[in-house]
Structures are given as structure tokens and as C-alpha cells.
PDB file of N, CA and C in Angstrom:
ATOM      1  N   MET A   1      39.310  19.866-297.999  1.00  0.00           N
ATOM      2  CA  MET A   1      40.036  20.680-298.954  1.00  0.00           C
ATOM      3  C   MET A   1      39.101  21.227-300.023  1.00  0.00           C
ATOM      4  N   ASP A   2      37.864  20.735-300.074  1.00  0.00           N
ATOM      5  CA  ASP A   2      36.921  21.245-301.062  1.00  0.00           C
ATOM      6  C   ASP A   2      36.738  22.736-300.878  1.00  0.00           C
ATOM      7  N   GLY A   3      36.784  23.472-301.975  1.00  0.00           N
ATOM      8  CA  GLY A   3      36.601  24.903-301.944  1.00  0.00           C
ATOM      9  C   GLY A   3      37.850  25.662-301.555  1.00  0.00           C
ATOM     10  N   ASP A   4      38.883  24.951-301.097  1.00  0.00           N
ATOM     11  CA  ASP A   4      40.139  25.612-300.750  1.00  0.00           C
ATOM     12  C   ASP A   4      40.847  26.031-302.017  1.00  0.00           C
ATOM     13  N   THR A   5      41.738  26.999-301.861  1.00  0.00           N
ATOM     14  CA  THR A   5      42.568  27.389-302.992  1.00  0.00           C
ATOM     15  C   THR A   5      44.015  27.308-302.571  1.00  0.00           C
ATOM     16  N   PHE A   6      44.871  27.127-303.533  1.00  0.00           N
ATOM     17  CA  PHE A   6      46.308  27.023-303.330  1.00  0.00           C
ATOM     18  C   PHE A   6      46.975  28.027-304.234  1.00  0.00           C
ATOM     19  N   SER A   7      47.836  28.853-303.686  1.00  0.00           N
ATOM     20  CA  SER A   7      48.481  29.872-304.513  1.00  0.00           C
ATOM     21  C   SER A   7      49.979  29.662-304.515  1.00  0.00           C
ATOM     22  N   GLY A   8      50.414  28.472-304.872  1.00  0.00           N
ATOM     23  CA  GLY A   8      51.826  28.139-304.834  1.00  0.00           C
ATOM     24  C   GLY A   8      52.533  28.248-306.163  1.00  0.00           C
ATOM     25  N   LEU A   9      51.975  28.925-307.136  1.00  0.00           N
ATOM     26  CA  LEU A   9      52.608  29.021-308.438  1.00  0.00           C
ATOM     27  C   LEU A   9      53.559  30.208-308.538  1.00  0.00           C
ATOM     28  N   GLY A  10      53.541  31.067-307.547  1.00  0.00           N
ATOM     29  CA  GLY A  10      54.483  32.169-307.534  1.00  0.00           C
ATOM     30  C   GLY A  10      54.054  33.375-308.353  1.00  0.00           C
ATOM     31  N   ASN A  11      52.957  33.261-309.085  1.00  0.00           N
ATOM     32  CA  ASN A  11      52.512  34.401-309.901  1.00  0.00           C
ATOM     33  C   ASN A  11      51.153  34.922-309.445  1.00  0.00           C
ATOM     34  N   GLY A  12      50.740  34.539-308.244  1.00  0.00           N
ATOM     35  CA  GLY A  12      49.470  35.014-307.718  1.00  0.00           C
ATOM     36  C   GLY A  12      48.281  34.191-308.166  1.00  0.00           C
ATOM     37  N   THR A  13      48.482  33.231-309.036  1.00  0.00           N
ATOM     38  CA  THR A  13      47.394  32.399-309.528  1.00  0.00           C
ATOM     39  C   THR A  13      46.985  31.402-308.455  1.00  0.00           C
ATOM     40  N   GLN A  14      45.690  31.229-308.280  1.00  0.00           N
ATOM     41  CA  GLN A  14      45.194  30.280-307.297  1.00  0.00           C
ATOM     42  C   GLN A  14      44.597  29.075-308.010  1.00  0.00           C
ATOM     43  N   ILE A  15      44.810  27.905-307.395  1.00  0.00           N
ATOM     44  CA  ILE A  15      44.279  26.661-307.946  1.00  0.00           C
ATOM     45  C   ILE A  15      43.249  26.123-306.974  1.00  0.00           C
ATOM     46  N   ASP A  16      42.100  25.740-307.472  1.00  0.00           N
ATOM     47  CA  ASP A  16      41.041  25.167-306.668  1.00  0.00           C
ATOM     48  C   ASP A  16      41.504  23.854-306.044  1.00  0.00           C
ATOM     49  N   GLY A  17      41.069  23.582-304.831  1.00  0.00           N
ATOM     50  CA  GLY A  17      41.452  22.364-304.120  1.00  0.00           C
ATOM     51  C   GLY A  17      41.085  21.096-304.869  1.00  0.00           C
ATOM     52  N   LYS A  18      39.937  21.094-305.544  1.00  0.00           N
ATOM     53  CA  LYS A  18      39.522  19.906-306.305  1.00  0.00           C
ATOM     54  C   LYS A  18      40.477  19.645-307.463  1.00  0.00           C
ATOM     55  N   VAL A  19      40.929  20.717-308.105  1.00  0.00           N
ATOM     56  CA  VAL A  19      41.877  20.574-309.208  1.00  0.00           C
ATOM     57  C   VAL A  19      43.177  19.987-308.679  1.00  0.00           C
ATOM     58  N   LEU A  20      43.621  20.503-307.546  1.00  0.00           N
ATOM     59  CA  LEU A  20      44.849  20.012-306.929  1.00  0.00           C
ATOM     60  C   LEU A  20      44.719  18.532-306.558  1.00  0.00           C
ATOM     61  N   GLN A  21      43.569  18.142-306.034  1.00  0.00           N
ATOM     62  CA  GLN A  21      43.328  16.737-305.691  1.00  0.00           C
ATOM     63  C   GLN A  21      43.374  15.854-306.936  1.00  0.00           C
ATOM     64  N   THR A  22      42.821  16.346-308.030  1.00  0.00           N
ATOM     65  CA  THR A  22      42.839  15.589-309.285  1.00  0.00           C
ATOM     66  C   THR A  22      44.266  15.396-309.770  1.00  0.00           C
ATOM     67  N   PHE A  23      45.069  16.467-309.698  1.00  0.00           N
ATOM     68  CA  PHE A  23      46.478  16.350-310.092  1.00  0.00           C
ATOM     69  C   PHE A  23      47.197  15.348-309.209  1.00  0.00           C
ATOM     70  N   GLN A  24      46.981  15.451-307.911  1.00  0.00           N
ATOM     71  CA  GLN A  24      47.657  14.551-306.986  1.00  0.00           C
ATOM     72  C   GLN A  24      47.263  13.106-307.252  1.00  0.00           C
ATOM     73  N   LYS A  25      45.981  12.863-307.485  1.00  0.00           N
ATOM     74  CA  LYS A  25      45.509  11.499-307.760  1.00  0.00           C
ATOM     75  C   LYS A  25      46.189  10.950-309.024  1.00  0.00           C
ATOM     76  N   SER A  26      46.285  11.781-310.048  1.00  0.00           N
ATOM     77  CA  SER A  26      46.920  11.342-311.293  1.00  0.00           C
ATOM     78  C   SER A  26      48.403  11.046-311.087  1.00  0.00           C
ATOM     79  N   PHE A  27      49.082  11.906-310.337  1.00  0.00           N
ATOM     80  CA  PHE A  27      50.504  11.678-310.088  1.00  0.00           C
ATOM     81  C   PHE A  27      50.731  10.409-309.272  1.00  0.00           C
ATOM     82  N   VAL A  28      49.838  10.128-308.332  1.00  0.00           N
ATOM     83  CA  VAL A  28      49.945   8.887-307.550  1.00  0.00           C
ATOM     84  C   VAL A  28      49.747   7.683-308.466  1.00  0.00           C
ATOM     85  N   GLN A  29      48.763   7.760-309.366  1.00  0.00           N
ATOM     86  CA  GLN A  29      48.549   6.667-310.319  1.00  0.00           C
ATOM     87  C   GLN A  29      49.795   6.438-311.173  1.00  0.00           C
ATOM     88  N   VAL A  30      50.366   7.522-311.680  1.00  0.00           N
ATOM     89  CA  VAL A  30      51.569   7.422-312.510  1.00  0.00           C
ATOM     90  C   VAL A  30      52.695   6.772-311.715  1.00  0.00           C
ATOM     91  N   GLN A  31      52.903   7.234-310.479  1.00  0.00           N
ATOM     92  CA  GLN A  31      53.990   6.683-309.676  1.00  0.00           C
ATOM     93  C   GLN A  31      53.784   5.203-309.392  1.00  0.00           C
ATOM     94  N   ASN A  32      52.539   4.795-309.115  1.00  0.00           N
ATOM     95  CA  ASN A  32      52.253   3.380-308.872  1.00  0.00           C
ATOM     96  C   ASN A  32      52.566   2.530-310.104  1.00  0.00           C
ATOM     97  N   ILE A  33      52.196   3.026-311.272  1.00  0.00           N
ATOM     98  CA  ILE A  33      52.479   2.295-312.517  1.00  0.00           C
ATOM     99  C   ILE A  33      53.988   2.206-312.736  1.00  0.00           C
ATOM    100  N   LEU A  34      54.690   3.312-312.519  1.00  0.00           N
ATOM    101  CA  LEU A  34      56.144   3.306-312.710  1.00  0.00           C
ATOM    102  C   LEU A  34      56.830   2.361-311.721  1.00  0.00           C
ATOM    103  N   ASP A  35      56.353   2.322-310.492  1.00  0.00           N
ATOM    104  CA  ASP A  35      56.902   1.382-309.508  1.00  0.00           C
ATOM    105  C   ASP A  35      56.684  -0.060-309.962  1.00  0.00           C
ATOM    106  N   HIS A  36      55.490  -0.338-310.474  1.00  0.00           N
ATOM    107  CA  HIS A  36      55.195  -1.682-310.979  1.00  0.00           C
ATOM    108  C   HIS A  36      56.072  -2.010-312.192  1.00  0.00           C
ATOM    109  N   ASN A  37      56.270  -1.012-313.052  1.00  0.00           N
ATOM    110  CA  ASN A  37      57.129  -1.227-314.220  1.00  0.00           C
ATOM    111  C   ASN A  37      58.548  -1.587-313.805  1.00  0.00           C
ATOM    112  N   ARG A  38      59.045  -0.973-312.743  1.00  0.00           N
ATOM    113  CA  ARG A  38      60.386  -1.290-312.258  1.00  0.00           C
ATOM    114  C   ARG A  38      60.476  -2.770-311.886  1.00  0.00           C
ATOM    115  N   LEU A  39      59.426  -3.271-311.216  1.00  0.00           N
ATOM    116  CA  LEU A  39      59.394  -4.693-310.855  1.00  0.00           C
ATOM    117  C   LEU A  39      59.332  -5.582-312.098  1.00  0.00           C
ATOM    118  N   LEU A  40      58.514  -5.170-313.061  1.00  0.00           N
ATOM    119  CA  LEU A  40      58.414  -5.939-314.312  1.00  0.00           C
ATOM    120  C   LEU A  40      59.766  -6.002-315.019  1.00  0.00           C
ATOM    121  N   ILE A  41      60.439  -4.878-315.103  1.00  0.00           N
ATOM    122  CA  ILE A  41      61.737  -4.821-315.793  1.00  0.00           C
ATOM    123  C   ILE A  41      62.750  -5.709-315.082  1.00  0.00           C
ATOM    124  N   ASN A  42      62.741  -5.688-313.745  1.00  0.00           N
ATOM    125  CA  ASN A  42      63.653  -6.560-313.000  1.00  0.00           C
ATOM    126  C   ASN A  42      63.378  -8.029-313.303  1.00  0.00           C
ATOM    127  N   GLU A  43      62.095  -8.395-313.329  1.00  0.00           N
ATOM    128  CA  GLU A  43      61.742  -9.788-313.622  1.00  0.00           C
ATOM    129  C   GLU A  43      62.110 -10.155-315.060  1.00  0.00           C
ATOM    130  N   ILE A  44      61.863  -9.253-315.983  1.00  0.00           N
ATOM    131  CA  ILE A  44      62.219  -9.495-317.384  1.00  0.00           C
ATOM    132  C   ILE A  44      63.725  -9.728-317.511  1.00  0.00           C
ATOM    133  N   ASN A  45      64.506  -8.894-316.838  1.00  0.00           N
ATOM    134  CA  ASN A  45      65.964  -9.054-316.885  1.00  0.00           C
ATOM    135  C   ASN A  45      66.415 -10.386-316.283  1.00  0.00           C
ATOM    136  N   GLN A  46      65.838 -10.758-315.156  1.00  0.00           N
ATOM    137  CA  GLN A  46      66.191 -12.037-314.525  1.00  0.00           C
ATOM    138  C   GLN A  46      65.839 -13.201-315.444  1.00  0.00           C
ATOM    139  N   ASN A  47      64.654 -13.137-316.041  1.00  0.00           N
ATOM    140  CA  ASN A  47      64.238 -14.210-316.954  1.00  0.00           C
ATOM    141  C   ASN A  47      65.174 -14.293-318.159  1.00  0.00           C
ATOM    142  N   HIS A  48      65.563 -13.144-318.673  1.00  0.00           N
ATOM    143  CA  HIS A  48      66.452 -13.108-319.830  1.00  0.00           C
ATOM    144  C   HIS A  48      67.815 -13.703-319.486  1.00  0.00           C
ATOM    145  N   GLU A  49      68.337 -13.325-318.332  1.00  0.00           N
ATOM    146  CA  GLU A  49      69.647 -13.833-317.914  1.00  0.00           C
ATOM    147  C   GLU A  49      69.627 -15.336-317.649  1.00  0.00           C
ATOM    148  N   SER A  50      68.482 -15.847-317.210  1.00  0.00           N
ATOM    149  CA  SER A  50      68.392 -17.287-316.901  1.00  0.00           C
ATOM    150  C   SER A  50      68.436 -18.148-318.161  1.00  0.00           C
ATOM    151  N   LYS A  51      67.987 -17.595-319.275  1.00  0.00           N
ATOM    152  CA  LYS A  51      67.929 -18.298-320.559  1.00  0.00           C
ATOM    153  C   LYS A  51      67.102 -19.590-320.504  1.00  0.00           C
ATOM    154  N   ILE A  52      66.263 -19.720-319.498  1.00  0.00           N
ATOM    155  CA  ILE A  52      65.356 -20.875-319.385  1.00  0.00           C
ATOM    156  C   ILE A  52      64.171 -20.615-320.318  1.00  0.00           C
ATOM    157  N   PRO A  53      63.870 -21.574-321.203  1.00  0.00           N
ATOM    158  CA  PRO A  53      62.805 -21.345-322.201  1.00  0.00           C
ATOM    159  C   PRO A  53      61.469 -20.883-321.610  1.00  0.00           C
ATOM    160  N   ASP A  54      61.038 -21.486-320.507  1.00  0.00           N
ATOM    161  CA  ASP A  54      59.763 -21.064-319.905  1.00  0.00           C
ATOM    162  C   ASP A  54      59.820 -19.611-319.432  1.00  0.00           C
ATOM    163  N   ASN A  55      60.956 -19.220-318.877  1.00  0.00           N
ATOM    164  CA  ASN A  55      61.117 -17.830-318.417  1.00  0.00           C
ATOM    165  C   ASN A  55      61.131 -16.859-319.594  1.00  0.00           C
ATOM    166  N   LEU A  56      61.775 -17.284-320.688  1.00  0.00           N
ATOM    167  CA  LEU A  56      61.813 -16.425-321.876  1.00  0.00           C
ATOM    168  C   LEU A  56      60.415 -16.287-322.479  1.00  0.00           C
ATOM    169  N   ASN A  57      59.646 -17.361-322.449  1.00  0.00           N
ATOM    170  CA  ASN A  57      58.259 -17.290-322.929  1.00  0.00           C
ATOM    171  C   ASN A  57      57.425 -16.375-322.034  1.00  0.00           C
ATOM    172  N   ARG A  58      57.663 -16.440-320.738  1.00  0.00           N
ATOM    173  CA  ARG A  58      56.937 -15.574-319.803  1.00  0.00           C
ATOM    174  C   ARG A  58      57.237 -14.102-320.090  1.00  0.00           C
ATOM    175  N   ASN A  59      58.440 -13.819-320.563  1.00  0.00           N
ATOM    176  CA  ASN A  59      58.812 -12.436-320.862  1.00  0.00           C
ATOM    177  C   ASN A  59      57.917 -11.798-321.917  1.00  0.00           C
ATOM    178  N   VAL A  60      57.388 -12.593-322.813  1.00  0.00           N
ATOM    179  CA  VAL A  60      56.502 -12.044-323.854  1.00  0.00           C
ATOM    180  C   VAL A  60      55.313 -11.343-323.200  1.00  0.00           C
ATOM    181  N   GLY A  61      54.690 -12.020-322.260  1.00  0.00           N
ATOM    182  CA  GLY A  61      53.554 -11.431-321.554  1.00  0.00           C
ATOM    183  C   GLY A  61      53.954 -10.248-320.691  1.00  0.00           C
ATOM    184  N   LEU A  62      55.122 -10.368-320.043  1.00  0.00           N
ATOM    185  CA  LEU A  62      55.598  -9.282-319.182  1.00  0.00           C
ATOM    186  C   LEU A  62      55.902  -8.026-319.997  1.00  0.00           C
ATOM    187  N   ILE A  63      56.486  -8.218-321.163  1.00  0.00           N
ATOM    188  CA  ILE A  63      56.802  -7.068-322.029  1.00  0.00           C
ATOM    189  C   ILE A  63      55.514  -6.434-322.557  1.00  0.00           C
ATOM    190  N   ARG A  64      54.524  -7.239-322.864  1.00  0.00           N
ATOM    191  CA  ARG A  64      53.225  -6.681-323.281  1.00  0.00           C
ATOM    192  C   ARG A  64      52.619  -5.844-322.159  1.00  0.00           C
ATOM    193  N   GLU A  65      52.681  -6.390-320.932  1.00  0.00           N
ATOM    194  CA  GLU A  65      52.151  -5.649-319.787  1.00  0.00           C
ATOM    195  C   GLU A  65      52.912  -4.337-319.596  1.00  0.00           C
ATOM    196  N   LEU A  66      54.217  -4.391-319.733  1.00  0.00           N
ATOM    197  CA  LEU A  66      55.055  -3.192-319.611  1.00  0.00           C
ATOM    198  C   LEU A  66      54.660  -2.151-320.657  1.00  0.00           C
ATOM    199  N   ASN A  67      54.482  -2.580-321.893  1.00  0.00           N
ATOM    200  CA  ASN A  67      54.076  -1.660-322.967  1.00  0.00           C
ATOM    201  C   ASN A  67      52.716  -1.032-322.690  1.00  0.00           C
ATOM    202  N   ASN A  68      51.770  -1.846-322.201  1.00  0.00           N
ATOM    203  CA  ASN A  68      50.447  -1.309-321.865  1.00  0.00           C
ATOM    204  C   ASN A  68      50.540  -0.294-320.731  1.00  0.00           C
ATOM    205  N   ASN A  69      51.390  -0.587-319.763  1.00  0.00           N
ATOM    206  CA  ASN A  69      51.571   0.352-318.652  1.00  0.00           C
ATOM    207  C   ASN A  69      52.165   1.674-319.139  1.00  0.00           C
ATOM    208  N   ILE A  70      53.099   1.594-320.049  1.00  0.00           N
ATOM    209  CA  ILE A  70      53.700   2.811-320.599  1.00  0.00           C
ATOM    210  C   ILE A  70      52.640   3.632-321.326  1.00  0.00           C
ATOM    211  N   ARG A  71      51.762   2.959-322.071  1.00  0.00           N
ATOM    212  CA  ARG A  71      50.659   3.672-322.742  1.00  0.00           C
ATOM    213  C   ARG A  71      49.769   4.372-321.718  1.00  0.00           C
ATOM    214  N   ARG A  72      49.484   3.684-320.607  1.00  0.00           N
ATOM    215  CA  ARG A  72      48.650   4.282-319.561  1.00  0.00           C
ATOM    216  C   ARG A  72      49.310   5.524-318.977  1.00  0.00           C
ATOM    217  N   VAL A  73      50.616   5.467-318.755  1.00  0.00           N
ATOM    218  CA  VAL A  73      51.344   6.627-318.218  1.00  0.00           C
ATOM    219  C   VAL A  73      51.274   7.790-319.205  1.00  0.00           C
ATOM    220  N   VAL A  74      51.469   7.504-320.485  1.00  0.00           N
ATOM    221  CA  VAL A  74      51.384   8.552-321.504  1.00  0.00           C
ATOM    222  C   VAL A  74      49.993   9.179-321.500  1.00  0.00           C
ATOM    223  N   ASP A  75      48.958   8.342-321.418  1.00  0.00           N
ATOM    224  CA  ASP A  75      47.587   8.857-321.385  1.00  0.00           C
ATOM    225  C   ASP A  75      47.337   9.715-320.146  1.00  0.00           C
ATOM    226  N   LEU A  76      47.839   9.254-318.996  1.00  0.00           N
ATOM    227  CA  LEU A  76      47.656  10.029-317.764  1.00  0.00           C
ATOM    228  C   LEU A  76      48.350  11.384-317.858  1.00  0.00           C
ATOM    229  N   TYR A  77      49.576  11.398-318.414  1.00  0.00           N
ATOM    230  CA  TYR A  77      50.277  12.670-318.577  1.00  0.00           C
ATOM    231  C   TYR A  77      49.571  13.575-319.579  1.00  0.00           C
ATOM    232  N   ALA A  78      49.005  13.001-320.620  1.00  0.00           N
ATOM    233  CA  ALA A  78      48.253  13.806-321.589  1.00  0.00           C
ATOM    234  C   ALA A  78      47.033  14.430-320.913  1.00  0.00           C
ATOM    235  N   ASP A  79      46.327  13.638-320.100  1.00  0.00           N
ATOM    236  CA  ASP A  79      45.176  14.163-319.366  1.00  0.00           C
ATOM    237  C   ASP A  79      45.601  15.248-318.381  1.00  0.00           C
ATOM    238  N   LEU A  80      46.711  15.016-317.689  1.00  0.00           N
ATOM    239  CA  LEU A  80      47.229  16.020-316.756  1.00  0.00           C
ATOM    240  C   LEU A  80      47.530  17.326-317.475  1.00  0.00           C
ATOM    241  N   SER A  81      48.170  17.217-318.614  1.00  0.00           N
ATOM    242  CA  SER A  81      48.520  18.409-319.388  1.00  0.00           C
ATOM    243  C   SER A  81      47.271  19.166-319.805  1.00  0.00           C
ATOM    244  N   SER A  82      46.302  18.431-320.301  1.00  0.00           N
ATOM    245  CA  SER A  82      45.052  19.050-320.734  1.00  0.00           C
ATOM    246  C   SER A  82      44.333  19.716-319.562  1.00  0.00           C
ATOM    247  N   ASN A  83      44.255  18.991-318.437  1.00  0.00           N
ATOM    248  CA  ASN A  83      43.578  19.544-317.257  1.00  0.00           C
ATOM    249  C   ASN A  83      44.306  20.770-316.718  1.00  0.00           C
ATOM    250  N   PHE A  84      45.626  20.720-316.747  1.00  0.00           N
ATOM    251  CA  PHE A  84      46.403  21.864-316.266  1.00  0.00           C
ATOM    252  C   PHE A  84      46.158  23.076-317.150  1.00  0.00           C
ATOM    253  N   THR A  85      46.158  22.858-318.461  1.00  0.00           N
ATOM    254  CA  THR A  85      45.911  23.956-319.398  1.00  0.00           C
ATOM    255  C   THR A  85      44.534  24.559-319.162  1.00  0.00           C
ATOM    256  N   LYS A  86      43.523  23.699-319.012  1.00  0.00           N
ATOM    257  CA  LYS A  86      42.165  24.196-318.762  1.00  0.00           C
ATOM    258  C   LYS A  86      42.106  24.962-317.444  1.00  0.00           C
ATOM    259  N   SER A  87      42.797  24.449-316.444  1.00  0.00           N
ATOM    260  CA  SER A  87      42.820  25.103-315.136  1.00  0.00           C
ATOM    261  C   SER A  87      43.465  26.474-315.227  1.00  0.00           C
ATOM    262  N   MET A  88      44.570  26.571-315.955  1.00  0.00           N
ATOM    263  CA  MET A  88      45.263  27.846-316.090  1.00  0.00           C
ATOM    264  C   MET A  88      44.442  28.823-316.928  1.00  0.00           C
ATOM    265  N   ASP A  89      43.766  28.318-317.963  1.00  0.00           N
ATOM    266  CA  ASP A  89      42.909  29.187-318.774  1.00  0.00           C
ATOM    267  C   ASP A  89      41.782  29.753-317.920  1.00  0.00           C
ATOM    268  N   ALA A  90      41.143  28.896-317.130  1.00  0.00           N
ATOM    269  CA  ALA A  90      40.050  29.348-316.275  1.00  0.00           C
ATOM    270  C   ALA A  90      40.565  30.324-315.227  1.00  0.00           C
ATOM    271  N   SER A  91      41.747  30.064-314.728  1.00  0.00           N
ATOM    272  CA  SER A  91      42.340  30.929-313.711  1.00  0.00           C
ATOM    273  C   SER A  91      42.679  32.304-314.269  1.00  0.00           C
ATOM    274  N   SER A  92      43.220  32.324-315.480  1.00  0.00           N
ATOM    275  CA  SER A  92      43.622  33.610-316.060  1.00  0.00           C
ATOM    276  C   SER A  92      42.417  34.448-316.486  1.00  0.00           C
ATOM    277  N   GLU A  93      41.319  33.784-316.813  1.00  0.00           N
ATOM    278  CA  GLU A  93      40.111  34.514-317.202  1.00  0.00           C
ATOM    279  C   GLU A  93      39.286  34.921-315.996  1.00  0.00           C
ATOM    280  N   GLY A  94      39.582  34.320-314.861  1.00  0.00           N
ATOM    281  CA  GLY A  94      38.729  34.505-313.689  1.00  0.00           C
ATOM    282  C   GLY A  94      37.588  33.531-313.817  1.00  0.00           C
ATOM    283  N   ASP A  95      37.309  32.823-312.752  1.00  0.00           N
ATOM    284  CA  ASP A  95      36.264  31.803-312.858  1.00  0.00           C
ATOM    285  C   ASP A  95      34.899  32.389-312.518  1.00  0.00           C
ATOM    286  N   SER A  96      33.907  31.530-312.403  1.00  0.00           N
ATOM    287  CA  SER A  96      32.539  31.978-312.195  1.00  0.00           C
ATOM    288  C   SER A  96      32.348  32.608-310.815  1.00  0.00           C
ATOM    289  N   SER A  97      33.328  32.427-309.913  1.00  0.00           N
ATOM    290  CA  SER A  97      33.202  33.038-308.599  1.00  0.00           C
ATOM    291  C   SER A  97      33.533  34.515-308.640  1.00  0.00           C
ATOM    292  N   GLY A  98      34.016  34.999-309.787  1.00  0.00           N
ATOM    293  CA  GLY A  98      34.333  36.407-309.925  1.00  0.00           C
ATOM    294  C   GLY A  98      35.699  36.757-309.388  1.00  0.00           C
ATOM    295  N   LEU A  99      36.547  35.767-309.184  1.00  0.00           N
ATOM    296  CA  LEU A  99      37.893  36.039-308.693  1.00  0.00           C
ATOM    297  C   LEU A  99      38.842  36.249-309.856  1.00  0.00           C
ATOM    298  N   LYS A 100      39.722  37.229-309.697  1.00  0.00           N
ATOM    299  CA  LYS A 100      40.792  37.407-310.671  1.00  0.00           C
ATOM    300  C   LYS A 100      41.906  36.440-310.303  1.00  0.00           C
ATOM    301  N   SER A 101      42.934  36.368-311.132  1.00  0.00           N
ATOM    302  CA  SER A 101      44.025  35.436-310.876  1.00  0.00           C
ATOM    303  C   SER A 101      44.755  35.746-309.581  1.00  0.00           C
ATOM    304  N   ASP A 102      44.637  36.963-309.055  1.00  0.00           N
ATOM    305  CA  ASP A 102      45.280  37.283-307.786  1.00  0.00           C
ATOM    306  C   ASP A 102      44.378  36.969-306.601  1.00  0.00           C
ATOM    307  N   GLY A 103      43.187  36.421-306.874  1.00  0.00           N
ATOM    308  CA  GLY A 103      42.282  36.007-305.814  1.00  0.00           C
ATOM    309  C   GLY A 103      41.393  37.118-305.285  1.00  0.00           C
ATOM    310  N   LYS A 104      41.483  38.334-305.836  1.00  0.00           N
ATOM    311  CA  LYS A 104      40.671  39.451-305.378  1.00  0.00           C
ATOM    312  C   LYS A 104      39.392  39.536-306.201  1.00  0.00           C
ATOM    313  N   LYS A 105      38.348  40.031-305.567  1.00  0.00           N
ATOM    314  CA  LYS A 105      37.077  40.170-306.260  1.00  0.00           C
ATOM    315  C   LYS A 105      37.166  41.191-307.382  1.00  0.00           C
ATOM    316  N   ARG A 106      36.472  40.919-308.471  1.00  0.00           N
ATOM    317  CA  ARG A 106      36.381  41.887-309.554  1.00  0.00           C
ATOM    318  C   ARG A 106      35.340  42.939-309.195  1.00  0.00           C
ATOM    319  N   ASN A 107      35.578  44.146-309.636  1.00  0.00           N
ATOM    320  CA  ASN A 107      34.569  45.178-309.491  1.00  0.00           C
ATOM    321  C   ASN A 107      33.695  45.152-310.738  1.00  0.00           C
ATOM    322  N   ARG A 108      32.434  44.862-310.537  1.00  0.00           N
ATOM    323  CA  ARG A 108      31.521  44.780-311.666  1.00  0.00           C
ATOM    324  C   ARG A 108      30.819  46.134-311.818  1.00  0.00           C
ATOM    325  N   PRO A 109      30.841  46.684-313.027  1.00  0.00           N
ATOM    326  CA  PRO A 109      30.159  47.986-313.221  1.00  0.00           C
ATOM    327  C   PRO A 109      28.649  47.847-313.084  1.00  0.00           C
ATOM    328  N   GLY A 110      28.021  48.913-312.613  1.00  0.00           N
ATOM    329  CA  GLY A 110      26.571  48.968-312.586  1.00  0.00           C
ATOM    330  C   GLY A 110      26.036  48.545-311.349  1.00  0.00           C
TER     331      GLY A 110
END
């Protein structure tokens, strides 16, 4: 997929394959964290319902882990947003390959 472009934005803008791979990797990371958070929340709820002191003490650590995971998701989304903005800026200006946002070569004077 290196060097490939994707033009699925509907406005003629093309996205480099590496950029798309980076987005996909980030979304997979986010989904994995969210899946893990679902398991943590289920365990926290079970421990809470049991009212067993050891389980309630364990919840302290589980809630800390959950909070840290939420911070990681926020950071990943912030990075995604920043990368997307940079990608769109580069796309709208035309990148160093001389392609316009519609993927056609620019005519250079001279």
C-alpha cells in the first residue's frame, strides 16, 4: 500500500497510503483500549455488587487503570485530529509530488 492513494473523501482529495495506515493503526489501538475498558467496567461492577472488601479494594486499581486508558484514548484522538488536519492541509496545498487535490499534475510555468 506504500505510495498508494485513496480518494474516498468525495471531494477529489487523495490520501497517501501511509497516512491511511497510520489512521487505521490508531483506530485499532483505540478500539482495543475501549474493548479492554468494557471488561474493566464489567469487573468493577461485579466487584461493587459483591460488596466483598477485597473486591472493593481491587476496584481502586481497576478504576485507576480505566482512567489511564481513557487518557490514552483522548491522546490518540488528539493525535488523529492533528494528523488529519496536517494531511488535509498538505492535500489542499498539493504535496511535494506536484499533485493537486484532484490528483492531477500541476502545470509549472517556464
